[in-house]
Protein backbone atom coordinates (compact mmCIF):
# COMPACT_ATOMS: atom_id res chain seq x y z
CA UNK A 1 28.89 14.53 -8.77
CA UNK A 2 25.85 13.41 -6.77
CA UNK A 3 27.91 10.73 -5.03
CA UNK A 4 30.35 13.38 -3.78
CA UNK A 5 27.49 15.19 -2.01
CA UNK A 6 25.32 12.21 -1.01
CA UNK A 7 27.59 9.26 -0.19
CA UNK A 8 24.70 6.88 0.48
CA UNK A 9 22.93 7.55 -2.84
CA UNK A 10 21.23 4.74 -4.75
CA UNK A 11 20.15 4.92 -8.40
CA UNK A 12 17.26 3.29 -10.23
CA UNK A 13 17.51 1.70 -13.62
CA UNK A 14 17.53 4.08 -16.57
CA UNK A 15 14.39 4.49 -18.66
CA UNK A 16 14.18 5.75 -22.24
CA UNK A 17 11.06 7.82 -22.85
CA UNK A 18 9.61 10.01 -25.54
CA UNK A 19 9.67 13.74 -24.92
CA UNK A 20 6.45 14.88 -23.24
CA UNK A 21 5.84 18.60 -23.69
CA UNK A 22 7.64 19.25 -26.98
CA UNK A 23 7.56 15.96 -28.84
CA UNK A 24 9.67 16.90 -31.87
CA UNK A 25 13.00 16.11 -30.20
CA UNK A 26 15.09 13.05 -29.29
CA UNK A 27 14.03 10.66 -26.55
CA UNK A 28 15.07 11.35 -22.96
CA UNK A 29 16.88 9.12 -20.48
CA UNK A 30 15.36 9.19 -17.01
CA UNK A 31 16.36 7.75 -13.66
CA UNK A 32 15.72 8.43 -9.99
CA UNK A 33 18.01 8.52 -7.00
CA UNK A 34 17.36 8.04 -3.30
CA UNK A 35 19.51 9.22 -0.42
CA UNK A 36 19.33 10.37 3.17
CA UNK A 37 20.52 13.83 4.06
CA UNK A 38 20.50 16.40 6.81
CA UNK A 39 20.41 19.19 4.22
CA UNK A 40 17.24 21.21 3.93
CA UNK A 41 15.17 20.84 0.76
CA UNK A 42 16.32 24.31 -0.37
CA UNK A 43 19.98 23.37 0.16
CA UNK A 44 19.49 20.13 -1.80
CA UNK A 45 17.89 22.18 -4.60
CA UNK A 46 20.90 24.53 -4.57
CA UNK A 47 23.30 21.58 -4.85
CA UNK A 48 21.31 20.16 -7.77
CA UNK A 49 21.30 23.55 -9.50
CA UNK A 50 25.09 23.77 -9.11
CA UNK A 51 25.46 20.38 -10.81
CA UNK A 52 23.14 21.43 -13.64
CA UNK A 53 25.19 24.60 -14.14
CA UNK A 54 28.46 22.67 -14.11
CA UNK A 55 27.09 20.27 -16.73
CA UNK A 56 25.85 23.17 -18.88
CA UNK A 57 22.12 22.60 -18.67
CA UNK A 58 20.99 25.17 -21.16
CA UNK A 59 17.95 24.10 -23.15
CA UNK A 60 17.32 26.32 -26.17
CA UNK A 61 13.63 26.39 -25.21
CA UNK A 62 11.64 25.34 -22.15
CA UNK A 63 11.15 21.54 -22.18
CA UNK A 64 13.71 21.33 -24.97
CA UNK A 65 16.74 19.03 -25.19
CA UNK A 66 19.16 19.39 -22.29
CA UNK A 67 22.27 17.76 -20.92
CA UNK A 68 20.70 17.14 -17.51
CA UNK A 69 17.63 17.96 -15.45
CA UNK A 70 17.71 17.31 -11.70
CA UNK A 71 14.52 17.66 -9.68
CA UNK A 72 13.51 16.92 -6.12
CA UNK A 73 10.58 14.56 -6.49
CA UNK A 74 9.91 13.75 -2.84
CA UNK A 75 11.53 14.77 0.42
CA UNK A 76 10.17 12.44 3.08
CA UNK A 77 6.62 13.52 3.86
CA UNK A 78 7.38 17.17 3.10
CA UNK A 79 4.73 19.24 1.40
CA UNK A 80 6.10 22.62 0.36
CA UNK A 81 5.31 25.17 -2.30
CA UNK A 82 6.97 28.46 -3.01
CA UNK A 83 8.04 30.22 -6.21
CA UNK A 84 11.36 28.33 -6.39
CA UNK A 85 10.57 24.86 -5.02
CA UNK A 86 7.52 22.61 -4.94
CA UNK A 87 7.61 19.28 -3.10
CA UNK A 88 6.36 16.79 -4.05
CA UNK A 89 7.10 17.49 -7.69
CA UNK A 90 3.80 18.77 -9.14
CA UNK A 91 3.71 16.29 -12.04
CA UNK A 92 5.18 13.26 -10.26
CA UNK A 93 1.83 11.44 -10.15
CA UNK A 94 1.14 11.69 -13.91
CA UNK A 95 4.55 10.74 -15.29
CA UNK A 96 5.34 7.09 -15.83
CA UNK A 97 9.00 8.00 -16.45
CA UNK A 98 9.15 9.36 -12.88
CA UNK A 99 7.07 6.71 -11.12
CA UNK A 100 8.78 3.67 -12.70
CA UNK A 101 12.27 4.67 -11.48
CA UNK A 102 10.96 5.55 -8.01
CA UNK A 103 9.31 2.15 -7.74
CA UNK A 104 12.58 0.60 -8.98
CA UNK A 105 14.14 2.04 -5.83
CA UNK A 106 11.58 0.28 -3.65
CA UNK A 107 9.26 3.25 -3.19
CA UNK A 108 6.11 1.52 -4.43
CA UNK A 109 4.50 1.67 -0.98
CA UNK A 110 5.56 5.29 -0.41
CA UNK A 111 2.48 7.46 -0.05
CA UNK A 112 2.24 10.69 -2.03
CA UNK A 113 2.03 13.43 0.64
CA UNK A 114 -0.82 15.29 -1.06
CA UNK A 115 -2.78 12.56 -2.82
CA UNK A 116 -2.64 9.99 0.00
CA UNK A 117 -2.03 7.16 -2.51
CA UNK A 118 0.91 4.78 -2.79
CA UNK A 119 3.19 5.41 -5.76
CA UNK A 120 2.40 1.96 -7.18
CA UNK A 121 -1.31 2.90 -7.19
CA UNK A 122 -0.52 6.18 -8.93
CA UNK A 123 1.48 4.26 -11.54
CA UNK A 124 -1.52 2.02 -12.22
CA UNK A 125 -3.57 5.17 -12.88
CA UNK A 126 -1.13 6.75 -15.34
CA UNK A 127 -2.32 6.81 -18.90
CA UNK A 128 -0.16 4.83 -21.28
CA UNK A 129 3.22 6.45 -21.87
CA UNK A 130 6.17 4.74 -23.50
CA UNK A 131 8.78 4.05 -20.83
CA UNK A 132 11.42 1.43 -21.63
CA UNK A 133 13.94 0.19 -19.07
CA UNK A 134 17.41 0.06 -20.63
CA UNK A 135 20.76 -1.27 -19.49
CA UNK A 136 22.99 1.60 -18.49
CA UNK A 137 25.25 1.75 -15.46
CA UNK A 138 25.11 4.90 -13.32
């Protein structure tokens, strides 16, 4: 579905990680994608929400198991915060399962717009979290 909207999309490897907020649930599979677009961040967020709805994202509780969860992590050097969209993602810098896939895509030198640190530096600062690269074709 993402490829239909963003023809130049690239995907990272997939990472298996333990649930973070509510730990009494199955592991999650995480990946990142990179693409160029002329769509505004809000329009990208709308497209992602449509995909989530189509795929029946409906966790029984917040941070609970779900079929899919699509977030905008970064949007160039954009720094934006409003009630419906925050860029960069507010927890990007503390989540190994987000940083590893981004670095997989070659974003290690990308500088976090608010923290003024490269993503690879932020990864080195993340406290230990289990994050295992697995073989899965996207």
